[in-house]
């Protein structure tokens, strides 16, 4: 059954800008939450970060750990949730890039599959991602490729989202509520 109240919110900003805190606050207003964690513990420091994140979430939330096939994992979920919180597209994009370094992932197809999963469901989503295009040009080819890939993923999600909240230094700005539109929809 289609939920007329369903919405997709994208929260974007720099590191430590308050993205995840805002996303978790938004999720806390719901009874049944599925937290989708895309990070992998590749080293001890990352394992500590993941453990701290897990410990900070309410025990009543379900957690789905999936680093690559988020759309497929969500399709296999049998739970009935009020909200899905995906944290985050940045790590997911990096995971796709690093899965097989001899090939270039189809980020558009992966983004489309994930957005199809949203469209086909009746649950609201809050999705967290980093803005990586505001800094200096990365000095390495792989850094530039990652920045470009995440920029494409973010643009696709922002176009599809009902709300896009930009976080800077703990301050939230609701871009679409302020009239922000995709660049190709601007009047000339």
N, C-alpha and C. Protein backbone atom coordinates (compact mmCIF):
# COMPACT_ATOMS: atom_id res chain seq x y z
N UNK A 1 0.84 -1.18 0.00
CA UNK A 1 0.00 0.00 0.00
C UNK A 1 0.89 1.24 0.00
N UNK A 2 0.58 2.21 -0.84
CA UNK A 2 1.36 3.43 -0.95
C UNK A 2 1.10 4.34 0.23
N UNK A 3 2.15 4.87 0.78
CA UNK A 3 2.07 5.79 1.90
C UNK A 3 2.18 7.21 1.36
N UNK A 4 1.10 7.96 1.39
CA UNK A 4 1.08 9.32 0.85
C UNK A 4 2.01 10.24 1.64
N UNK A 5 2.34 9.85 2.86
CA UNK A 5 3.22 10.67 3.70
C UNK A 5 4.70 10.33 3.50
N UNK A 6 4.98 9.36 2.66
CA UNK A 6 6.36 8.93 2.43
C UNK A 6 7.19 10.08 1.87
N UNK A 7 8.44 10.19 2.34
CA UNK A 7 9.32 11.22 1.80
C UNK A 7 10.76 10.74 1.81
N UNK A 8 11.55 11.35 0.95
CA UNK A 8 12.98 11.09 0.87
C UNK A 8 13.70 12.37 1.26
N UNK A 9 14.51 12.29 2.31
CA UNK A 9 15.29 13.43 2.77
C UNK A 9 16.76 13.10 2.60
N UNK A 10 17.49 14.00 1.94
CA UNK A 10 18.94 13.88 1.80
C UNK A 10 19.57 14.92 2.70
N UNK A 11 20.51 14.47 3.54
CA UNK A 11 21.25 15.37 4.41
C UNK A 11 22.70 15.36 3.95
N UNK A 12 23.19 16.52 3.54
CA UNK A 12 24.52 16.64 2.94
C UNK A 12 25.34 17.70 3.67
N UNK A 13 26.62 17.44 3.80
CA UNK A 13 27.50 18.42 4.43
C UNK A 13 28.88 17.85 4.60
N UNK A 14 29.75 18.63 5.18
CA UNK A 14 31.12 18.21 5.41
C UNK A 14 31.24 17.29 6.61
N UNK A 15 32.46 16.82 6.84
CA UNK A 15 32.73 15.95 7.99
C UNK A 15 32.45 16.70 9.28
N UNK A 16 31.82 16.00 10.21
CA UNK A 16 31.51 16.53 11.54
C UNK A 16 30.65 17.79 11.50
N UNK A 17 29.79 17.87 10.51
CA UNK A 17 28.90 19.04 10.39
C UNK A 17 27.58 18.85 11.10
N UNK A 18 27.30 17.62 11.58
CA UNK A 18 26.06 17.34 12.27
C UNK A 18 25.07 16.52 11.46
N UNK A 19 25.50 16.01 10.31
CA UNK A 19 24.61 15.25 9.43
C UNK A 19 23.97 14.05 10.12
N UNK A 20 24.82 13.19 10.67
CA UNK A 20 24.30 11.98 11.30
C UNK A 20 23.47 12.29 12.53
N UNK A 21 23.87 13.29 13.29
CA UNK A 21 23.10 13.67 14.48
C UNK A 21 21.70 14.13 14.08
N UNK A 22 21.60 14.94 13.04
CA UNK A 22 20.29 15.38 12.56
C UNK A 22 19.48 14.19 12.05
N UNK A 23 20.12 13.32 11.27
CA UNK A 23 19.41 12.16 10.73
C UNK A 23 18.87 11.29 11.86
N UNK A 24 19.67 11.06 12.88
CA UNK A 24 19.22 10.24 14.00
C UNK A 24 18.11 10.93 14.79
N UNK A 25 18.19 12.24 14.91
CA UNK A 25 17.10 12.98 15.59
C UNK A 25 15.80 12.84 14.80
N UNK A 26 15.88 12.96 13.47
CA UNK A 26 14.69 12.80 12.63
C UNK A 26 14.14 11.38 12.78
N UNK A 27 15.03 10.39 12.80
CA UNK A 27 14.60 9.00 12.91
C UNK A 27 13.98 8.70 14.27
N UNK A 28 14.46 9.38 15.31
CA UNK A 28 13.97 9.11 16.66
C UNK A 28 12.49 9.45 16.84
N UNK A 29 11.92 10.17 15.91
CA UNK A 29 10.49 10.50 15.97
C UNK A 29 9.60 9.34 15.51
N UNK A 30 10.24 8.25 15.08
CA UNK A 30 9.52 7.10 14.55
C UNK A 30 9.71 5.89 15.46
N UNK A 31 8.71 5.01 15.45
CA UNK A 31 8.77 3.83 16.29
C UNK A 31 9.66 2.73 15.71
N UNK A 32 9.46 2.46 14.43
CA UNK A 32 10.15 1.34 13.79
C UNK A 32 11.16 1.88 12.78
N UNK A 33 12.44 1.80 13.14
CA UNK A 33 13.50 2.37 12.32
C UNK A 33 14.47 1.28 11.89
N UNK A 34 14.83 1.31 10.62
CA UNK A 34 15.89 0.45 10.10
C UNK A 34 17.08 1.35 9.79
N UNK A 35 18.19 1.11 10.47
CA UNK A 35 19.42 1.85 10.24
C UNK A 35 20.28 1.03 9.29
N UNK A 36 20.59 1.60 8.13
CA UNK A 36 21.43 0.91 7.15
C UNK A 36 22.84 1.48 7.25
N UNK A 37 23.75 0.65 7.70
CA UNK A 37 25.15 1.04 7.88
C UNK A 37 25.97 0.54 6.71
N UNK A 38 26.66 1.45 6.04
CA UNK A 38 27.44 1.07 4.86
C UNK A 38 28.93 0.90 5.15
N UNK A 39 29.38 1.27 6.34
CA UNK A 39 30.81 1.22 6.66
C UNK A 39 31.28 -0.19 6.94
N UNK A 40 32.55 -0.42 6.64
CA UNK A 40 33.23 -1.67 6.96
C UNK A 40 34.40 -1.35 7.88
N UNK A 41 34.67 -2.23 8.81
CA UNK A 41 35.79 -2.02 9.73
C UNK A 41 37.08 -2.52 9.08
N UNK A 42 37.75 -1.64 8.36
CA UNK A 42 38.99 -2.02 7.70
C UNK A 42 40.21 -1.93 8.59
N UNK A 43 40.07 -1.23 9.71
CA UNK A 43 41.18 -1.11 10.66
C UNK A 43 40.60 -0.91 12.06
N UNK A 44 41.47 -0.89 13.05
CA UNK A 44 41.02 -0.81 14.44
C UNK A 44 40.29 0.50 14.73
N UNK A 45 40.78 1.60 14.19
CA UNK A 45 40.14 2.89 14.44
C UNK A 45 38.72 2.92 13.87
N UNK A 46 38.55 2.36 12.67
CA UNK A 46 37.21 2.32 12.06
C UNK A 46 36.30 1.37 12.85
N UNK A 47 36.84 0.28 13.34
CA UNK A 47 36.05 -0.65 14.16
C UNK A 47 35.56 0.06 15.42
N UNK A 48 36.40 0.90 16.01
CA UNK A 48 35.99 1.67 17.19
C UNK A 48 34.88 2.67 16.84
N UNK A 49 35.01 3.32 15.71
CA UNK A 49 33.97 4.27 15.28
C UNK A 49 32.63 3.56 15.08
N UNK A 50 32.68 2.40 14.42
CA UNK A 50 31.46 1.64 14.17
C UNK A 50 30.83 1.20 15.49
N UNK A 51 31.64 0.72 16.41
CA UNK A 51 31.14 0.30 17.73
C UNK A 51 30.50 1.47 18.47
N UNK A 52 31.12 2.64 18.41
CA UNK A 52 30.56 3.82 19.08
C UNK A 52 29.23 4.22 18.45
N UNK A 53 29.16 4.16 17.11
CA UNK A 53 27.89 4.48 16.43
C UNK A 53 26.79 3.51 16.84
N UNK A 54 27.12 2.22 16.87
CA UNK A 54 26.14 1.21 17.27
C UNK A 54 25.64 1.47 18.69
N UNK A 55 26.56 1.77 19.58
CA UNK A 55 26.21 1.98 20.98
C UNK A 55 25.33 3.21 21.18
N UNK A 56 25.46 4.18 20.29
CA UNK A 56 24.68 5.42 20.44
C UNK A 56 23.26 5.31 19.91
N UNK A 57 22.98 4.28 19.12
CA UNK A 57 21.64 4.13 18.55
C UNK A 57 20.70 3.45 19.54
N UNK A 58 19.42 3.78 19.48
CA UNK A 58 18.45 3.12 20.36
C UNK A 58 18.42 1.61 20.11
N UNK A 59 18.24 0.86 21.17
CA UNK A 59 18.17 -0.60 21.07
C UNK A 59 16.97 -1.07 20.24
N UNK A 60 15.96 -0.21 20.13
CA UNK A 60 14.75 -0.59 19.41
C UNK A 60 14.93 -0.52 17.90
N UNK A 61 15.98 0.13 17.43
CA UNK A 61 16.22 0.21 16.00
C UNK A 61 16.85 -1.08 15.50
N UNK A 62 16.44 -1.51 14.32
CA UNK A 62 17.11 -2.62 13.66
C UNK A 62 18.27 -2.05 12.84
N UNK A 63 19.33 -2.84 12.72
CA UNK A 63 20.48 -2.42 11.93
C UNK A 63 20.71 -3.41 10.80
N UNK A 64 20.92 -2.88 9.62
CA UNK A 64 21.27 -3.67 8.44
C UNK A 64 22.65 -3.20 8.01
N UNK A 65 23.62 -4.08 8.07
CA UNK A 65 24.97 -3.74 7.65
C UNK A 65 25.16 -4.25 6.23
N UNK A 66 25.33 -3.32 5.30
CA UNK A 66 25.53 -3.69 3.88
C UNK A 66 26.41 -2.63 3.25
N UNK A 67 27.54 -3.05 2.73
CA UNK A 67 28.51 -2.10 2.18
C UNK A 67 28.38 -1.88 0.69
N UNK A 68 27.76 -2.79 -0.04
CA UNK A 68 27.71 -2.67 -1.50
C UNK A 68 26.29 -2.71 -2.07
N UNK A 69 25.60 -3.81 -1.88
CA UNK A 69 24.27 -4.00 -2.50
C UNK A 69 23.16 -3.55 -1.55
N UNK A 70 23.12 -2.26 -1.28
CA UNK A 70 22.13 -1.73 -0.35
C UNK A 70 20.72 -1.95 -0.90
N UNK A 71 20.52 -1.72 -2.19
CA UNK A 71 19.19 -1.90 -2.79
C UNK A 71 18.73 -3.35 -2.64
N UNK A 72 19.60 -4.29 -2.94
CA UNK A 72 19.26 -5.71 -2.81
C UNK A 72 18.98 -6.11 -1.38
N UNK A 73 19.80 -5.61 -0.46
CA UNK A 73 19.62 -5.93 0.96
C UNK A 73 18.29 -5.37 1.47
N UNK A 74 17.94 -4.18 1.03
CA UNK A 74 16.65 -3.61 1.44
C UNK A 74 15.49 -4.40 0.86
N UNK A 75 15.64 -4.90 -0.35
CA UNK A 75 14.58 -5.69 -0.97
C UNK A 75 14.37 -7.01 -0.22
N UNK A 76 15.43 -7.52 0.41
CA UNK A 76 15.33 -8.78 1.16
C UNK A 76 14.83 -8.57 2.58
N UNK A 77 14.67 -7.34 3.02
CA UNK A 77 14.20 -7.06 4.38
C UNK A 77 12.73 -7.43 4.51
N UNK A 78 12.40 -8.08 5.59
CA UNK A 78 11.01 -8.46 5.82
C UNK A 78 10.34 -7.56 6.85
N UNK A 79 11.11 -6.67 7.46
CA UNK A 79 10.55 -5.80 8.49
C UNK A 79 9.64 -4.73 7.92
N UNK A 80 8.74 -4.29 8.75
CA UNK A 80 7.83 -3.21 8.38
C UNK A 80 8.28 -1.98 9.16
N UNK A 81 8.87 -1.01 8.46
CA UNK A 81 9.48 0.12 9.12
C UNK A 81 8.77 1.42 8.80
N UNK A 82 8.85 2.36 9.75
CA UNK A 82 8.34 3.71 9.54
C UNK A 82 9.36 4.56 8.82
N UNK A 83 10.65 4.23 9.02
CA UNK A 83 11.72 5.03 8.44
C UNK A 83 12.95 4.16 8.22
N UNK A 84 13.61 4.41 7.09
CA UNK A 84 14.90 3.81 6.80
C UNK A 84 15.92 4.95 6.83
N UNK A 85 16.98 4.77 7.61
CA UNK A 85 18.06 5.76 7.69
C UNK A 85 19.31 5.12 7.09
N UNK A 86 19.80 5.69 6.00
CA UNK A 86 21.01 5.18 5.35
C UNK A 86 22.17 6.12 5.68
N UNK A 87 23.19 5.56 6.32
CA UNK A 87 24.36 6.35 6.70
C UNK A 87 25.60 5.56 6.29
N UNK A 88 26.22 5.82 5.17
CA UNK A 88 26.01 6.99 4.33
C UNK A 88 26.37 6.66 2.88
N UNK A 89 25.93 7.54 1.98
CA UNK A 89 26.22 7.39 0.56
C UNK A 89 27.71 7.55 0.27
N UNK A 90 28.40 8.34 1.06
CA UNK A 90 29.83 8.57 0.84
C UNK A 90 30.61 7.28 0.96
N UNK A 91 30.39 6.57 2.04
CA UNK A 91 31.10 5.31 2.27
C UNK A 91 30.65 4.27 1.25
N UNK A 92 29.36 4.24 0.95
CA UNK A 92 28.84 3.30 -0.06
C UNK A 92 29.52 3.52 -1.40
N UNK A 93 29.65 4.78 -1.81
CA UNK A 93 30.30 5.10 -3.09
C UNK A 93 31.76 4.66 -3.06
N UNK A 94 32.45 4.92 -1.96
CA UNK A 94 33.84 4.48 -1.83
C UNK A 94 33.94 2.96 -1.88
N UNK A 95 33.01 2.27 -1.23
CA UNK A 95 33.01 0.80 -1.27
C UNK A 95 32.84 0.29 -2.70
N UNK A 96 31.94 0.92 -3.45
CA UNK A 96 31.74 0.52 -4.85
C UNK A 96 33.03 0.72 -5.64
N UNK A 97 33.68 1.86 -5.40
CA UNK A 97 34.91 2.19 -6.12
C UNK A 97 36.03 1.19 -5.80
N UNK A 98 36.12 0.79 -4.56
CA UNK A 98 37.22 -0.07 -4.12
C UNK A 98 36.96 -1.56 -4.26
N UNK A 99 35.71 -1.92 -4.59
CA UNK A 99 35.37 -3.35 -4.68
C UNK A 99 36.26 -4.07 -5.69
N UNK A 100 36.40 -3.51 -6.87
CA UNK A 100 37.25 -4.09 -7.91
C UNK A 100 37.94 -2.92 -8.60
N UNK A 101 39.14 -2.64 -8.17
CA UNK A 101 39.84 -1.44 -8.65
C UNK A 101 40.23 -1.52 -10.12
N UNK A 102 40.01 -2.68 -10.76
CA UNK A 102 40.33 -2.80 -12.18
C UNK A 102 39.18 -2.35 -13.08
N UNK A 103 38.02 -2.07 -12.48
CA UNK A 103 36.86 -1.62 -13.27
C UNK A 103 36.29 -0.35 -12.66
N UNK A 104 35.59 0.40 -13.48
CA UNK A 104 34.90 1.60 -13.00
C UNK A 104 33.44 1.23 -12.78
N UNK A 105 32.95 1.37 -11.55
CA UNK A 105 31.55 1.02 -11.27
C UNK A 105 30.59 1.92 -12.05
N UNK A 106 29.40 1.40 -12.28
CA UNK A 106 28.34 2.20 -12.89
C UNK A 106 27.56 2.85 -11.75
N UNK A 107 28.03 4.01 -11.33
CA UNK A 107 27.42 4.72 -10.20
C UNK A 107 25.99 5.13 -10.51
N UNK A 108 25.72 5.47 -11.77
CA UNK A 108 24.35 5.85 -12.14
C UNK A 108 23.40 4.68 -11.96
N UNK A 109 23.81 3.50 -12.41
CA UNK A 109 22.96 2.31 -12.27
C UNK A 109 22.77 1.94 -10.80
N UNK A 110 23.84 2.04 -10.01
CA UNK A 110 23.74 1.72 -8.58
C UNK A 110 22.81 2.70 -7.88
N UNK A 111 22.94 4.00 -8.20
CA UNK A 111 22.06 5.02 -7.61
C UNK A 111 20.62 4.79 -8.02
N UNK A 112 20.42 4.50 -9.31
CA UNK A 112 19.07 4.25 -9.81
C UNK A 112 18.44 3.05 -9.12
N UNK A 113 19.22 1.99 -8.90
CA UNK A 113 18.69 0.80 -8.22
C UNK A 113 18.27 1.14 -6.79
N UNK A 114 19.08 1.93 -6.12
CA UNK A 114 18.74 2.30 -4.75
C UNK A 114 17.51 3.19 -4.71
N UNK A 115 17.41 4.13 -5.63
CA UNK A 115 16.22 4.99 -5.69
C UNK A 115 14.97 4.22 -6.11
N UNK A 116 15.13 3.20 -6.93
CA UNK A 116 14.00 2.34 -7.29
C UNK A 116 13.49 1.61 -6.05
N UNK A 117 14.41 1.17 -5.20
CA UNK A 117 14.01 0.50 -3.95
C UNK A 117 13.18 1.46 -3.10
N UNK A 118 13.58 2.71 -3.06
CA UNK A 118 12.78 3.71 -2.33
C UNK A 118 11.41 3.87 -2.99
N UNK A 119 11.40 4.08 -4.30
CA UNK A 119 10.14 4.31 -5.02
C UNK A 119 9.16 3.16 -4.87
N UNK A 120 9.67 1.93 -4.85
CA UNK A 120 8.81 0.75 -4.79
C UNK A 120 8.31 0.45 -3.38
N UNK A 121 8.89 1.07 -2.39
CA UNK A 121 8.46 0.84 -1.02
C UNK A 121 7.47 1.88 -0.55
N UNK A 122 7.04 1.75 0.68
CA UNK A 122 6.11 2.73 1.24
C UNK A 122 6.66 3.36 2.51
N UNK A 123 7.99 3.33 2.62
CA UNK A 123 8.65 3.83 3.81
C UNK A 123 9.46 5.08 3.50
N UNK A 124 9.42 6.04 4.40
CA UNK A 124 10.25 7.24 4.27
C UNK A 124 11.71 6.88 4.49
N UNK A 125 12.57 7.63 3.83
CA UNK A 125 14.01 7.45 3.98
C UNK A 125 14.66 8.76 4.37
N UNK A 126 15.69 8.66 5.19
CA UNK A 126 16.63 9.75 5.45
C UNK A 126 17.99 9.21 5.05
N UNK A 127 18.67 9.93 4.16
CA UNK A 127 19.93 9.48 3.60
C UNK A 127 21.00 10.53 3.89
N UNK A 128 22.12 10.08 4.42
CA UNK A 128 23.23 10.96 4.78
C UNK A 128 24.34 10.83 3.73
N UNK A 129 24.97 11.95 3.40
CA UNK A 129 26.10 11.95 2.48
C UNK A 129 27.01 13.14 2.75
N UNK A 130 28.23 13.05 2.27
CA UNK A 130 29.19 14.14 2.43
C UNK A 130 29.24 14.99 1.17
N UNK A 131 29.45 16.27 1.36
CA UNK A 131 29.75 17.17 0.26
C UNK A 131 31.26 17.19 0.13
N UNK A 132 31.78 16.74 -1.00
CA UNK A 132 33.23 16.69 -1.18
C UNK A 132 33.71 17.62 -2.29
N UNK A 133 32.81 18.36 -2.89
CA UNK A 133 33.19 19.20 -4.02
C UNK A 133 33.51 20.64 -3.68
N UNK A 134 33.51 21.01 -2.41
CA UNK A 134 33.74 22.40 -2.04
C UNK A 134 35.19 22.70 -1.68
N UNK A 135 36.01 21.68 -1.59
CA UNK A 135 37.40 21.88 -1.19
C UNK A 135 38.32 21.98 -2.39
N UNK A 136 39.59 21.79 -2.12
CA UNK A 136 40.59 21.84 -3.17
C UNK A 136 40.44 20.62 -4.08
N UNK A 137 40.96 20.72 -5.29
CA UNK A 137 40.95 19.59 -6.21
C UNK A 137 41.90 18.54 -5.64
N UNK A 138 41.42 17.30 -5.48
CA UNK A 138 42.29 16.25 -4.93
C UNK A 138 43.54 16.07 -5.79
N UNK A 139 44.69 15.84 -5.16
CA UNK A 139 45.93 15.74 -5.92
C UNK A 139 46.12 14.43 -6.68
N UNK A 140 45.37 13.39 -6.30
CA UNK A 140 45.54 12.08 -6.95
C UNK A 140 44.40 11.80 -7.91
N UNK A 141 44.69 10.96 -8.88
CA UNK A 141 43.67 10.55 -9.85
C UNK A 141 42.51 9.84 -9.15
N UNK A 142 42.82 8.95 -8.20
CA UNK A 142 41.75 8.23 -7.50
C UNK A 142 40.92 9.19 -6.65
N UNK A 143 41.55 10.19 -6.05
CA UNK A 143 40.82 11.19 -5.27
C UNK A 143 39.87 11.99 -6.13
N UNK A 144 40.34 12.38 -7.32
CA UNK A 144 39.48 13.13 -8.25
C UNK A 144 38.34 12.24 -8.75
N UNK A 145 38.64 10.98 -9.01
CA UNK A 145 37.60 10.05 -9.48
C UNK A 145 36.54 9.86 -8.40
N UNK A 146 36.97 9.74 -7.13
CA UNK A 146 36.01 9.60 -6.04
C UNK A 146 35.15 10.85 -5.91
N UNK A 147 35.77 12.02 -5.91
CA UNK A 147 35.02 13.28 -5.81
C UNK A 147 33.98 13.37 -6.93
N UNK A 148 34.38 13.04 -8.14
CA UNK A 148 33.45 13.09 -9.28
C UNK A 148 32.32 12.08 -9.12
N UNK A 149 32.66 10.85 -8.69
CA UNK A 149 31.63 9.81 -8.52
C UNK A 149 30.63 10.21 -7.45
N UNK A 150 31.12 10.67 -6.30
CA UNK A 150 30.20 11.05 -5.22
C UNK A 150 29.38 12.27 -5.64
N UNK A 151 29.97 13.18 -6.39
CA UNK A 151 29.21 14.31 -6.90
C UNK A 151 28.03 13.86 -7.75
N UNK A 152 28.26 12.87 -8.60
CA UNK A 152 27.17 12.32 -9.44
C UNK A 152 26.09 11.66 -8.58
N UNK A 153 26.53 10.84 -7.61
CA UNK A 153 25.58 10.16 -6.73
C UNK A 153 24.76 11.20 -5.96
N UNK A 154 25.43 12.19 -5.38
CA UNK A 154 24.73 13.22 -4.61
C UNK A 154 23.74 14.00 -5.47
N UNK A 155 24.15 14.34 -6.69
CA UNK A 155 23.27 15.07 -7.59
C UNK A 155 22.03 14.26 -7.93
N UNK A 156 22.21 12.97 -8.16
CA UNK A 156 21.06 12.09 -8.47
C UNK A 156 20.10 12.03 -7.29
N UNK A 157 20.64 11.85 -6.09
CA UNK A 157 19.78 11.77 -4.91
C UNK A 157 19.11 13.11 -4.60
N UNK A 158 19.84 14.20 -4.75
CA UNK A 158 19.27 15.52 -4.47
C UNK A 158 18.13 15.83 -5.43
N UNK A 159 18.27 15.45 -6.68
CA UNK A 159 17.22 15.68 -7.68
C UNK A 159 15.96 14.90 -7.29
N UNK A 160 16.13 13.71 -6.76
CA UNK A 160 15.01 12.82 -6.45
C UNK A 160 14.38 13.12 -5.09
N UNK A 161 15.15 13.73 -4.20
CA UNK A 161 14.70 13.93 -2.81
C UNK A 161 13.61 14.98 -2.70
N UNK A 162 12.73 14.75 -1.72
CA UNK A 162 11.71 15.75 -1.39
C UNK A 162 12.32 16.91 -0.61
N UNK A 163 13.29 16.58 0.24
CA UNK A 163 14.00 17.60 1.03
C UNK A 163 15.49 17.36 0.87
N UNK A 164 16.23 18.44 0.79
CA UNK A 164 17.68 18.38 0.81
C UNK A 164 18.13 19.36 1.88
N UNK A 165 18.76 18.82 2.91
CA UNK A 165 19.21 19.65 4.03
C UNK A 165 20.72 19.72 3.98
N UNK A 166 21.23 20.93 3.87
CA UNK A 166 22.66 21.16 3.86
C UNK A 166 23.11 21.52 5.26
N UNK A 167 24.13 20.81 5.75
CA UNK A 167 24.66 21.04 7.09
C UNK A 167 26.02 21.71 6.99
N UNK A 168 26.19 22.78 7.76
CA UNK A 168 27.48 23.46 7.87
C UNK A 168 27.67 23.86 9.32
N UNK A 169 28.73 23.38 9.95
CA UNK A 169 29.07 23.73 11.33
C UNK A 169 27.88 23.59 12.28
N UNK A 170 27.13 22.51 12.10
CA UNK A 170 26.00 22.24 12.99
C UNK A 170 24.74 23.01 12.66
N UNK A 171 24.75 23.78 11.59
CA UNK A 171 23.57 24.55 11.17
C UNK A 171 22.94 23.89 9.95
N UNK A 172 21.61 23.79 9.97
CA UNK A 172 20.88 23.12 8.89
C UNK A 172 20.18 24.15 8.01
N UNK A 173 20.27 23.93 6.71
CA UNK A 173 19.59 24.78 5.74
C UNK A 173 18.79 23.88 4.81
N UNK A 174 17.47 24.03 4.79
CA UNK A 174 16.58 23.21 3.96
C UNK A 174 16.55 23.82 2.56
N UNK A 175 17.36 23.29 1.66
CA UNK A 175 17.57 23.91 0.35
C UNK A 175 16.32 23.95 -0.52
N UNK A 176 15.59 22.86 -0.58
CA UNK A 176 14.41 22.84 -1.45
C UNK A 176 13.29 23.73 -0.89
N UNK A 177 13.20 23.84 0.43
CA UNK A 177 12.21 24.74 1.02
C UNK A 177 12.51 26.19 0.68
N UNK A 178 13.78 26.46 0.41
CA UNK A 178 14.19 27.82 0.03
C UNK A 178 14.08 28.06 -1.47
N UNK A 179 13.62 27.04 -2.19
CA UNK A 179 13.41 27.20 -3.63
C UNK A 179 14.53 26.67 -4.50
N UNK A 180 15.49 25.97 -3.92
CA UNK A 180 16.59 25.41 -4.72
C UNK A 180 16.03 24.38 -5.70
N UNK A 181 16.50 24.47 -6.93
CA UNK A 181 16.08 23.54 -7.99
C UNK A 181 17.32 23.04 -8.73
N UNK A 182 17.23 21.89 -9.41
CA UNK A 182 18.35 21.44 -10.21
C UNK A 182 18.75 22.51 -11.24
N UNK A 183 20.02 22.59 -11.51
CA UNK A 183 20.54 23.65 -12.37
C UNK A 183 19.85 23.72 -13.73
N UNK A 184 19.46 22.56 -14.27
CA UNK A 184 18.85 22.57 -15.61
C UNK A 184 17.37 22.95 -15.58
N UNK A 185 16.84 23.23 -14.39
CA UNK A 185 15.44 23.67 -14.30
C UNK A 185 15.34 25.17 -14.00
N UNK A 186 16.46 25.85 -13.93
CA UNK A 186 16.44 27.29 -13.69
C UNK A 186 15.92 28.01 -14.91
N UNK A 187 15.18 29.08 -14.67
CA UNK A 187 14.76 29.94 -15.77
C UNK A 187 16.00 30.64 -16.31
N UNK A 188 15.99 30.84 -17.58
CA UNK A 188 17.18 31.48 -18.19
C UNK A 188 16.95 32.92 -18.43
